[in-house]
All heavy atoms as atom14 arrays in JSON, in Angstrom:
{
  "sequence": "FYAVNWYRQVPGKQRELVASITDSGRTNYADFVKGRFTISRDN",
  "atom14_mask": [
    [1, 1, 1, 1, 1, 1, 1, 1, 1, 1, 1, 0, 0, 0],
    [1, 1, 1, 1, 1, 1, 1, 1, 1, 1, 1, 1, 0, 0],
    [1, 1, 1, 1, 1, 0, 0, 0, 0, 0, 0, 0, 0, 0],
    [1, 1, 1, 1, 1, 1, 1, 0, 0, 0, 0, 0, 0, 0],
    [1, 1, 1, 1, 1, 1, 1, 1, 0, 0, 0, 0, 0, 0],
    [1, 1, 1, 1, 1, 1, 1, 1, 1, 1, 1, 1, 1, 1],
    [1, 1, 1, 1, 1, 1, 1, 1, 1, 1, 1, 1, 0, 0],
    [1, 1, 1, 1, 1, 1, 1, 1, 1, 1, 1, 0, 0, 0],
    [1, 1, 1, 1, 1, 1, 1, 1, 1, 0, 0, 0, 0, 0],
    [1, 1, 1, 1, 1, 1, 1, 0, 0, 0, 0, 0, 0, 0],
    [1, 1, 1, 1, 1, 1, 1, 0, 0, 0, 0, 0, 0, 0],
    [1, 1, 1, 1, 0, 0, 0, 0, 0, 0, 0, 0, 0, 0],
    [1, 1, 1, 1, 1, 1, 1, 1, 1, 0, 0, 0, 0, 0],
    [1, 1, 1, 1, 1, 1, 1, 1, 1, 0, 0, 0, 0, 0],
    [1, 1, 1, 1, 1, 1, 1, 1, 1, 1, 1, 0, 0, 0],
    [1, 1, 1, 1, 1, 1, 1, 1, 1, 0, 0, 0, 0, 0],
    [1, 1, 1, 1, 1, 1, 1, 1, 0, 0, 0, 0, 0, 0],
    [1, 1, 1, 1, 1, 1, 1, 0, 0, 0, 0, 0, 0, 0],
    [1, 1, 1, 1, 1, 0, 0, 0, 0, 0, 0, 0, 0, 0],
    [1, 1, 1, 1, 1, 1, 0, 0, 0, 0, 0, 0, 0, 0],
    [1, 1, 1, 1, 1, 1, 1, 1, 0, 0, 0, 0, 0, 0],
    [1, 1, 1, 1, 1, 1, 1, 0, 0, 0, 0, 0, 0, 0],
    [1, 1, 1, 1, 1, 1, 1, 1, 0, 0, 0, 0, 0, 0],
    [1, 1, 1, 1, 1, 1, 0, 0, 0, 0, 0, 0, 0, 0],
    [1, 1, 1, 1, 0, 0, 0, 0, 0, 0, 0, 0, 0, 0],
    [1, 1, 1, 1, 1, 1, 1, 1, 1, 1, 1, 0, 0, 0],
    [1, 1, 1, 1, 1, 1, 1, 0, 0, 0, 0, 0, 0, 0],
    [1, 1, 1, 1, 1, 1, 1, 1, 0, 0, 0, 0, 0, 0],
    [1, 1, 1, 1, 1, 1, 1, 1, 1, 1, 1, 1, 0, 0],
    [1, 1, 1, 1, 1, 0, 0, 0, 0, 0, 0, 0, 0, 0],
    [1, 1, 1, 1, 1, 1, 1, 1, 0, 0, 0, 0, 0, 0],
    [1, 1, 1, 1, 1, 1, 1, 1, 1, 1, 1, 0, 0, 0],
    [1, 1, 1, 1, 1, 1, 1, 0, 0, 0, 0, 0, 0, 0],
    [1, 1, 1, 1, 1, 1, 1, 1, 1, 0, 0, 0, 0, 0],
    [1, 1, 1, 1, 0, 0, 0, 0, 0, 0, 0, 0, 0, 0],
    [1, 1, 1, 1, 1, 1, 1, 1, 1, 1, 1, 0, 0, 0],
    [1, 1, 1, 1, 1, 1, 1, 1, 1, 1, 1, 0, 0, 0],
    [1, 1, 1, 1, 1, 1, 1, 0, 0, 0, 0, 0, 0, 0],
    [1, 1, 1, 1, 1, 1, 1, 1, 0, 0, 0, 0, 0, 0],
    [1, 1, 1, 1, 1, 1, 0, 0, 0, 0, 0, 0, 0, 0],
    [1, 1, 1, 1, 1, 1, 1, 1, 1, 1, 1, 0, 0, 0],
    [1, 1, 1, 1, 1, 1, 1, 1, 0, 0, 0, 0, 0, 0],
    [1, 1, 1, 1, 1, 1, 1, 1, 0, 0, 0, 0, 0, 0]
  ],
  "atom14_positions": [
    [[-67.39, 28.01, 62.13], [-67.2, 28.91, 63.27], [-67.78, 28.24, 64.51], [-68.91, 27.77, 64.49], [-67.92, 30.24, 63.04], [-67.45, 30.97, 61.82], [-68.13, 30.87, 60.62], [-66.33, 31.78, 61.87], [-67.72, 31.54, 59.49], [-65.89, 32.46, 60.75], [-66.59, 32.34, 59.56], [0.0, 0.0, 0.0], [0.0, 0.0, 0.0], [0.0, 0.0, 0.0]],
    [[-67.02, 28.22, 65.59], [-67.6, 27.62, 66.8], [-68.52, 28.59, 67.51], [-69.3, 28.19, 68.37], [-66.52, 27.06, 67.72], [-65.56, 28.05, 68.33], [-65.92, 28.82, 69.44], [-64.28, 28.18, 67.83], [-65.04, 29.7, 70.0], [-63.39, 29.06, 68.4], [-63.77, 29.83, 69.49], [-62.88, 30.71, 70.05], [0.0, 0.0, 0.0], [0.0, 0.0, 0.0]],
    [[-68.46, 29.85, 67.14], [-69.4, 30.83, 67.66], [-69.52, 31.99, 66.67], [-68.53, 32.4, 66.06], [-68.96, 31.36, 69.02], [0.0, 0.0, 0.0], [0.0, 0.0, 0.0], [0.0, 0.0, 0.0], [0.0, 0.0, 0.0], [0.0, 0.0, 0.0], [0.0, 0.0, 0.0], [0.0, 0.0, 0.0], [0.0, 0.0, 0.0], [0.0, 0.0, 0.0]],
    [[-70.73, 32.47, 66.5], [-70.98, 33.69, 65.74], [-71.7, 34.66, 66.67], [-72.66, 34.28, 67.36], [-71.83, 33.42, 64.48], [-72.14, 34.73, 63.76], [-71.09, 32.47, 63.54], [0.0, 0.0, 0.0], [0.0, 0.0, 0.0], [0.0, 0.0, 0.0], [0.0, 0.0, 0.0], [0.0, 0.0, 0.0], [0.0, 0.0, 0.0], [0.0, 0.0, 0.0]],
    [[-71.21, 35.87, 66.71], [-71.7, 36.85, 67.66], [-72.15, 38.13, 66.96], [-71.65, 38.47, 65.89], [-70.58, 37.23, 68.64], [-69.88, 36.02, 69.22], [-70.45, 35.25, 69.95], [-68.62, 35.86, 68.86], [0.0, 0.0, 0.0], [0.0, 0.0, 0.0], [0.0, 0.0, 0.0], [0.0, 0.0, 0.0], [0.0, 0.0, 0.0], [0.0, 0.0, 0.0]],
    [[-73.05, 38.82, 67.59], [-73.4, 40.18, 67.21], [-72.91, 41.1, 68.31], [-73.2, 40.89, 69.48], [-74.91, 40.34, 67.02], [-75.43, 39.78, 65.75], [-76.04, 38.57, 65.58], [-75.41, 40.41, 64.46], [-76.39, 38.39, 64.26], [-76.02, 39.52, 63.55], [-74.94, 41.62, 63.98], [-76.17, 39.81, 62.2], [-75.09, 41.91, 62.65], [-75.7, 41.01, 61.77]],
    [[-72.17, 42.14, 67.89], [-71.73, 43.2, 68.78], [-72.33, 44.51, 68.29], [-72.81, 44.61, 67.15], [-70.19, 43.34, 68.73], [-69.42, 42.3, 69.46], [-69.22, 41.03, 68.92], [-68.85, 42.56, 70.7], [-68.48, 40.07, 69.59], [-68.1, 41.61, 71.38], [-67.93, 40.37, 70.82], [-67.19, 39.43, 71.49], [0.0, 0.0, 0.0], [0.0, 0.0, 0.0]],
    [[-72.28, 45.51, 69.13], [-72.66, 46.85, 68.7], [-71.75, 47.88, 69.34], [-71.15, 47.64, 70.38], [-74.13, 47.14, 69.03], [-74.45, 47.3, 70.5], [-75.94, 47.43, 70.69], [-76.3, 47.8, 72.06], [-77.54, 47.85, 72.52], [-78.58, 47.57, 71.72], [-77.79, 48.2, 73.76], [0.0, 0.0, 0.0], [0.0, 0.0, 0.0], [0.0, 0.0, 0.0]],
    [[-71.7, 49.03, 68.67], [-70.81, 50.08, 69.15], [-71.4, 51.44, 68.81], [-71.89, 51.65, 67.7], [-69.42, 49.94, 68.53], [-68.38, 50.86, 69.1], [-66.99, 50.54, 68.61], [-66.8, 49.99, 67.53], [-65.98, 50.87, 69.4], [0.0, 0.0, 0.0], [0.0, 0.0, 0.0], [0.0, 0.0, 0.0], [0.0, 0.0, 0.0], [0.0, 0.0, 0.0]],
    [[-71.31, 52.34, 69.78], [-71.67, 53.74, 69.54], [-70.4, 54.56, 69.69], [-69.47, 54.16, 70.4], [-72.77, 54.23, 70.51], [-74.05, 53.43, 70.29], [-72.32, 54.12, 71.96], [0.0, 0.0, 0.0], [0.0, 0.0, 0.0], [0.0, 0.0, 0.0], [0.0, 0.0, 0.0], [0.0, 0.0, 0.0], [0.0, 0.0, 0.0], [0.0, 0.0, 0.0]],
    [[-70.36, 55.71, 69.05], [-69.14, 56.54, 69.12], [-68.77, 56.85, 70.57], [-69.62, 57.21, 71.39], [-69.53, 57.8, 68.36], [-70.58, 57.35, 67.41], [-71.36, 56.3, 68.14], [0.0, 0.0, 0.0], [0.0, 0.0, 0.0], [0.0, 0.0, 0.0], [0.0, 0.0, 0.0], [0.0, 0.0, 0.0], [0.0, 0.0, 0.0], [0.0, 0.0, 0.0]],
    [[-67.5, 56.69, 70.87], [-67.0, 57.02, 72.19], [-67.16, 55.92, 73.21], [-66.74, 56.09, 74.37], [0.0, 0.0, 0.0], [0.0, 0.0, 0.0], [0.0, 0.0, 0.0], [0.0, 0.0, 0.0], [0.0, 0.0, 0.0], [0.0, 0.0, 0.0], [0.0, 0.0, 0.0], [0.0, 0.0, 0.0], [0.0, 0.0, 0.0], [0.0, 0.0, 0.0]],
    [[-67.75, 54.81, 72.82], [-67.94, 53.7, 73.76], [-67.31, 52.43, 73.21], [-67.11, 52.3, 72.0], [-69.43, 53.48, 74.04], [-70.1, 54.63, 74.75], [-71.53, 54.28, 75.11], [-71.63, 53.25, 76.19], [-73.02, 52.98, 76.62], [0.0, 0.0, 0.0], [0.0, 0.0, 0.0], [0.0, 0.0, 0.0], [0.0, 0.0, 0.0], [0.0, 0.0, 0.0]],
    [[-67.05, 51.5, 74.1], [-66.48, 50.22, 73.68], [-67.53, 49.37, 72.97], [-68.73, 49.48, 73.25], [-65.94, 49.47, 74.9], [-64.62, 49.98, 75.43], [-64.0, 49.03, 76.44], [-64.69, 48.36, 77.19], [-62.67, 48.97, 76.45], [0.0, 0.0, 0.0], [0.0, 0.0, 0.0], [0.0, 0.0, 0.0], [0.0, 0.0, 0.0], [0.0, 0.0, 0.0]],
    [[-67.04, 48.53, 72.09], [-67.92, 47.59, 71.43], [-68.44, 46.59, 72.47], [-67.66, 46.1, 73.31], [-67.14, 46.86, 70.32], [-67.96, 46.15, 69.3], [-67.1, 45.7, 68.13], [-66.61, 46.83, 67.34], [-65.98, 46.69, 66.18], [-65.76, 45.48, 65.68], [-65.55, 47.75, 65.53], [0.0, 0.0, 0.0], [0.0, 0.0, 0.0], [0.0, 0.0, 0.0]],
    [[-69.74, 46.31, 72.42], [-70.32, 45.42, 73.42], [-71.02, 44.24, 72.77], [-71.62, 44.37, 71.68], [-71.3, 46.17, 74.33], [-72.46, 46.84, 73.62], [-73.33, 47.66, 74.56], [-73.01, 47.77, 75.76], [-74.34, 48.21, 74.08], [0.0, 0.0, 0.0], [0.0, 0.0, 0.0], [0.0, 0.0, 0.0], [0.0, 0.0, 0.0], [0.0, 0.0, 0.0]],
    [[-70.94, 43.11, 73.43], [-71.56, 41.89, 72.93], [-73.07, 41.96, 73.12], [-73.56, 42.28, 74.2], [-71.01, 40.67, 73.67], [-71.57, 39.3, 73.28], [-71.25, 38.98, 71.83], [-71.01, 38.23, 74.21], [0.0, 0.0, 0.0], [0.0, 0.0, 0.0], [0.0, 0.0, 0.0], [0.0, 0.0, 0.0], [0.0, 0.0, 0.0], [0.0, 0.0, 0.0]],
    [[-73.8, 41.64, 72.07], [-75.26, 41.68, 72.1], [-75.83, 40.27, 72.22], [-76.67, 40.0, 73.07], [-75.8, 42.35, 70.82], [-77.33, 42.29, 70.79], [-75.32, 43.8, 70.74], [0.0, 0.0, 0.0], [0.0, 0.0, 0.0], [0.0, 0.0, 0.0], [0.0, 0.0, 0.0], [0.0, 0.0, 0.0], [0.0, 0.0, 0.0], [0.0, 0.0, 0.0]],
    [[-75.37, 39.37, 71.36], [-75.9, 38.01, 71.34], [-74.91, 37.1, 70.66], [-74.1, 37.55, 69.85], [-77.25, 37.95, 70.62], [0.0, 0.0, 0.0], [0.0, 0.0, 0.0], [0.0, 0.0, 0.0], [0.0, 0.0, 0.0], [0.0, 0.0, 0.0], [0.0, 0.0, 0.0], [0.0, 0.0, 0.0], [0.0, 0.0, 0.0], [0.0, 0.0, 0.0]],
    [[-74.98, 35.82, 70.99], [-74.08, 34.85, 70.38], [-74.81, 33.53, 70.16], [-75.79, 33.22, 70.85], [-72.84, 34.64, 71.24], [-73.21, 34.12, 72.52], [0.0, 0.0, 0.0], [0.0, 0.0, 0.0], [0.0, 0.0, 0.0], [0.0, 0.0, 0.0], [0.0, 0.0, 0.0], [0.0, 0.0, 0.0], [0.0, 0.0, 0.0], [0.0, 0.0, 0.0]],
    [[-74.31, 32.78, 69.19], [-74.84, 31.45, 68.92], [-73.66, 30.54, 68.6], [-72.77, 30.92, 67.83], [-75.88, 31.47, 67.77], [-76.53, 30.09, 67.61], [-75.29, 31.96, 66.46], [-77.8, 30.12, 66.77], [0.0, 0.0, 0.0], [0.0, 0.0, 0.0], [0.0, 0.0, 0.0], [0.0, 0.0, 0.0], [0.0, 0.0, 0.0], [0.0, 0.0, 0.0]],
    [[-73.64, 29.37, 69.22], [-72.53, 28.44, 68.99], [-72.87, 27.48, 67.85], [-74.01, 27.44, 67.36], [-72.23, 27.64, 70.25], [-73.33, 26.73, 70.49], [-72.04, 28.55, 71.45], [0.0, 0.0, 0.0], [0.0, 0.0, 0.0], [0.0, 0.0, 0.0], [0.0, 0.0, 0.0], [0.0, 0.0, 0.0], [0.0, 0.0, 0.0], [0.0, 0.0, 0.0]],
    [[-71.88, 26.68, 67.46], [-72.11, 25.71, 66.39], [-73.11, 24.64, 66.8], [-73.73, 24.01, 65.94], [-70.8, 25.09, 65.93], [-69.99, 24.5, 67.06], [-70.43, 24.56, 68.22], [-68.88, 23.99, 66.78], [0.0, 0.0, 0.0], [0.0, 0.0, 0.0], [0.0, 0.0, 0.0], [0.0, 0.0, 0.0], [0.0, 0.0, 0.0], [0.0, 0.0, 0.0]],
    [[-73.31, 24.47, 68.11], [-74.31, 23.51, 68.58], [-75.68, 24.14, 68.73], [-76.64, 23.46, 69.1], [-73.87, 22.91, 69.93], [-73.79, 23.92, 70.91], [0.0, 0.0, 0.0], [0.0, 0.0, 0.0], [0.0, 0.0, 0.0], [0.0, 0.0, 0.0], [0.0, 0.0, 0.0], [0.0, 0.0, 0.0], [0.0, 0.0, 0.0], [0.0, 0.0, 0.0]],
    [[-75.76, 25.45, 68.48], [-77.05, 26.13, 68.55], [-77.35, 26.81, 69.88], [-78.42, 27.38, 70.05], [0.0, 0.0, 0.0], [0.0, 0.0, 0.0], [0.0, 0.0, 0.0], [0.0, 0.0, 0.0], [0.0, 0.0, 0.0], [0.0, 0.0, 0.0], [0.0, 0.0, 0.0], [0.0, 0.0, 0.0], [0.0, 0.0, 0.0], [0.0, 0.0, 0.0]],
    [[-76.42, 26.73, 70.81], [-76.63, 27.39, 72.1], [-76.55, 28.9, 71.92], [-75.68, 29.41, 71.24], [-75.6, 26.92, 73.11], [-75.83, 27.41, 74.52], [-74.77, 26.87, 75.46], [-73.45, 27.35, 75.09], [-72.33, 26.92, 75.64], [-72.36, 25.99, 76.56], [-71.18, 27.42, 75.26], [0.0, 0.0, 0.0], [0.0, 0.0, 0.0], [0.0, 0.0, 0.0]],
    [[-77.48, 29.6, 72.53], [-77.54, 31.05, 72.39], [-77.31, 31.74, 73.74], [-77.55, 31.16, 74.81], [-78.9, 31.5, 71.83], [-79.94, 31.06, 72.7], [-79.13, 30.92, 70.45], [0.0, 0.0, 0.0], [0.0, 0.0, 0.0], [0.0, 0.0, 0.0], [0.0, 0.0, 0.0], [0.0, 0.0, 0.0], [0.0, 0.0, 0.0], [0.0, 0.0, 0.0]],
    [[-76.86, 32.97, 73.64], [-76.62, 33.77, 74.84], [-76.9, 35.22, 74.49], [-76.63, 35.65, 73.36], [-75.18, 33.6, 75.32], [-74.97, 34.22, 76.67], [-75.73, 33.97, 77.6], [-73.93, 35.03, 76.82], [0.0, 0.0, 0.0], [0.0, 0.0, 0.0], [0.0, 0.0, 0.0], [0.0, 0.0, 0.0], [0.0, 0.0, 0.0], [0.0, 0.0, 0.0]],
    [[-77.46, 35.97, 75.46], [-77.85, 37.35, 75.21], [-77.36, 38.26, 76.32], [-77.31, 37.87, 77.49], [-79.38, 37.46, 75.13], [-79.99, 36.67, 74.01], [-80.43, 35.36, 74.23], [-80.12, 37.21, 72.75], [-80.98, 34.62, 73.2], [-80.68, 36.48, 71.71], [-81.1, 35.18, 71.95], [-81.65, 34.45, 70.92], [0.0, 0.0, 0.0], [0.0, 0.0, 0.0]],
    [[-77.06, 39.49, 75.94], [-76.79, 40.51, 76.93], [-78.09, 40.83, 77.66], [-79.18, 40.76, 77.07], [-76.23, 41.75, 76.26], [0.0, 0.0, 0.0], [0.0, 0.0, 0.0], [0.0, 0.0, 0.0], [0.0, 0.0, 0.0], [0.0, 0.0, 0.0], [0.0, 0.0, 0.0], [0.0, 0.0, 0.0], [0.0, 0.0, 0.0], [0.0, 0.0, 0.0]],
    [[-77.98, 41.2, 78.92], [-79.19, 41.48, 79.7], [-80.04, 42.58, 79.06], [-81.28, 42.53, 79.15], [-78.79, 41.9, 81.12], [-78.32, 40.73, 81.96], [-78.59, 39.58, 81.58], [-77.67, 40.97, 83.0], [0.0, 0.0, 0.0], [0.0, 0.0, 0.0], [0.0, 0.0, 0.0], [0.0, 0.0, 0.0], [0.0, 0.0, 0.0], [0.0, 0.0, 0.0]],
    [[-79.4, 43.54, 78.42], [-80.15, 44.68, 77.9], [-80.97, 44.35, 76.64], [-81.72, 45.19, 76.17], [-79.24, 45.9, 77.65], [-78.03, 45.61, 76.81], [-78.11, 45.53, 75.43], [-76.8, 45.42, 77.41], [-76.99, 45.27, 74.66], [-75.66, 45.17, 76.64], [-75.76, 45.09, 75.26], [0.0, 0.0, 0.0], [0.0, 0.0, 0.0], [0.0, 0.0, 0.0]],
    [[-80.83, 43.13, 76.11], [-81.63, 42.75, 74.94], [-82.48, 41.49, 75.2], [-83.27, 41.1, 74.34], [-80.79, 42.54, 73.67], [-80.01, 43.79, 73.33], [-79.86, 41.33, 73.81], [0.0, 0.0, 0.0], [0.0, 0.0, 0.0], [0.0, 0.0, 0.0], [0.0, 0.0, 0.0], [0.0, 0.0, 0.0], [0.0, 0.0, 0.0], [0.0, 0.0, 0.0]],
    [[-82.32, 40.88, 76.35], [-83.08, 39.67, 76.64], [-84.57, 39.93, 76.54], [-85.08, 40.92, 77.06], [-82.73, 39.14, 78.04], [-81.44, 38.36, 78.09], [-81.17, 37.83, 79.49], [-79.87, 37.04, 79.51], [-79.52, 36.58, 80.87], [0.0, 0.0, 0.0], [0.0, 0.0, 0.0], [0.0, 0.0, 0.0], [0.0, 0.0, 0.0], [0.0, 0.0, 0.0]],
    [[-85.25, 39.03, 75.85], [-86.68, 39.16, 75.68], [-87.07, 40.02, 74.48], [-88.25, 40.06, 74.11], [0.0, 0.0, 0.0], [0.0, 0.0, 0.0], [0.0, 0.0, 0.0], [0.0, 0.0, 0.0], [0.0, 0.0, 0.0], [0.0, 0.0, 0.0], [0.0, 0.0, 0.0], [0.0, 0.0, 0.0], [0.0, 0.0, 0.0], [0.0, 0.0, 0.0]],
    [[-86.1, 40.72, 73.89], [-86.39, 41.58, 72.73], [-85.69, 41.11, 71.46], [-86.25, 41.23, 70.38], [-85.98, 43.02, 73.04], [-86.68, 43.64, 74.23], [-86.38, 45.13, 74.33], [-84.96, 45.4, 74.53], [-84.25, 46.21, 73.74], [-84.8, 46.8, 72.71], [-82.96, 46.42, 73.98], [0.0, 0.0, 0.0], [0.0, 0.0, 0.0], [0.0, 0.0, 0.0]],
    [[-84.48, 40.6, 71.59], [-83.68, 40.18, 70.44], [-83.59, 38.67, 70.41], [-83.54, 38.0, 71.45], [-82.26, 40.75, 70.52], [-82.15, 42.24, 70.33], [-83.26, 43.07, 70.34], [-80.9, 42.81, 70.14], [-83.14, 44.43, 70.17], [-80.76, 44.18, 69.96], [-81.88, 44.99, 69.99], [0.0, 0.0, 0.0], [0.0, 0.0, 0.0], [0.0, 0.0, 0.0]],
    [[-83.51, 38.13, 69.19], [-83.34, 36.7, 69.0], [-82.27, 36.45, 67.94], [-82.37, 37.01, 66.83], [-84.66, 36.03, 68.57], [-85.68, 36.29, 69.55], [-84.47, 34.53, 68.44], [0.0, 0.0, 0.0], [0.0, 0.0, 0.0], [0.0, 0.0, 0.0], [0.0, 0.0, 0.0], [0.0, 0.0, 0.0], [0.0, 0.0, 0.0], [0.0, 0.0, 0.0]],
    [[-81.29, 35.64, 68.28], [-80.27, 35.25, 67.32], [-80.61, 33.86, 66.79], [-81.05, 32.98, 67.55], [-78.86, 35.29, 67.95], [-77.77, 35.11, 66.89], [-78.72, 34.29, 69.08], [-76.36, 35.39, 67.42], [0.0, 0.0, 0.0], [0.0, 0.0, 0.0], [0.0, 0.0, 0.0], [0.0, 0.0, 0.0], [0.0, 0.0, 0.0], [0.0, 0.0, 0.0]],
    [[-80.42, 33.67, 65.49], [-80.72, 32.38, 64.89], [-79.8, 32.15, 63.71], [-79.06, 33.05, 63.3], [-82.19, 32.31, 64.45], [-82.45, 33.29, 63.45], [0.0, 0.0, 0.0], [0.0, 0.0, 0.0], [0.0, 0.0, 0.0], [0.0, 0.0, 0.0], [0.0, 0.0, 0.0], [0.0, 0.0, 0.0], [0.0, 0.0, 0.0], [0.0, 0.0, 0.0]],
    [[-79.89, 30.95, 63.16], [-78.95, 30.57, 62.1], [-79.69, 29.8, 61.03], [-80.51, 28.93, 61.33], [-77.86, 29.7, 62.73], [-76.69, 29.36, 61.86], [-75.7, 28.56, 62.68], [-76.26, 27.29, 63.07], [-75.89, 26.62, 64.15], [-74.98, 27.12, 64.96], [-76.44, 25.46, 64.43], [0.0, 0.0, 0.0], [0.0, 0.0, 0.0], [0.0, 0.0, 0.0]],
    [[-79.38, 30.11, 59.77], [-79.87, 29.34, 58.62], [-78.67, 28.61, 58.05], [-77.85, 29.2, 57.34], [-80.51, 30.26, 57.59], [-81.13, 29.5, 56.43], [-80.65, 28.39, 56.11], [-82.08, 30.01, 55.84], [0.0, 0.0, 0.0], [0.0, 0.0, 0.0], [0.0, 0.0, 0.0], [0.0, 0.0, 0.0], [0.0, 0.0, 0.0], [0.0, 0.0, 0.0]],
    [[-78.56, 27.34, 58.37], [-77.36, 26.59, 57.97], [-77.24, 26.47, 56.46], [-76.13, 26.51, 55.92], [-77.41, 25.2, 58.6], [-77.44, 25.27, 60.12], [-76.91, 26.2, 60.72], [-78.09, 24.31, 60.74], [0.0, 0.0, 0.0], [0.0, 0.0, 0.0], [0.0, 0.0, 0.0], [0.0, 0.0, 0.0], [0.0, 0.0, 0.0], [0.0, 0.0, 0.0]]
  ]
}
C-alpha cells in the first residue's frame, strides 16, 4: 500500500481523515488530532 489511513465517522456526518502514513513512513494528521494521536507501522 502506498498509503494507509485512519478515517472516522459519526452518524449523519461524512467520513473524515484522521491520520495517514505512506510506504516511506511519512505521516500526516488532521488538525483536530495533532499532538494527541500518533500513526505508526509494524512492518
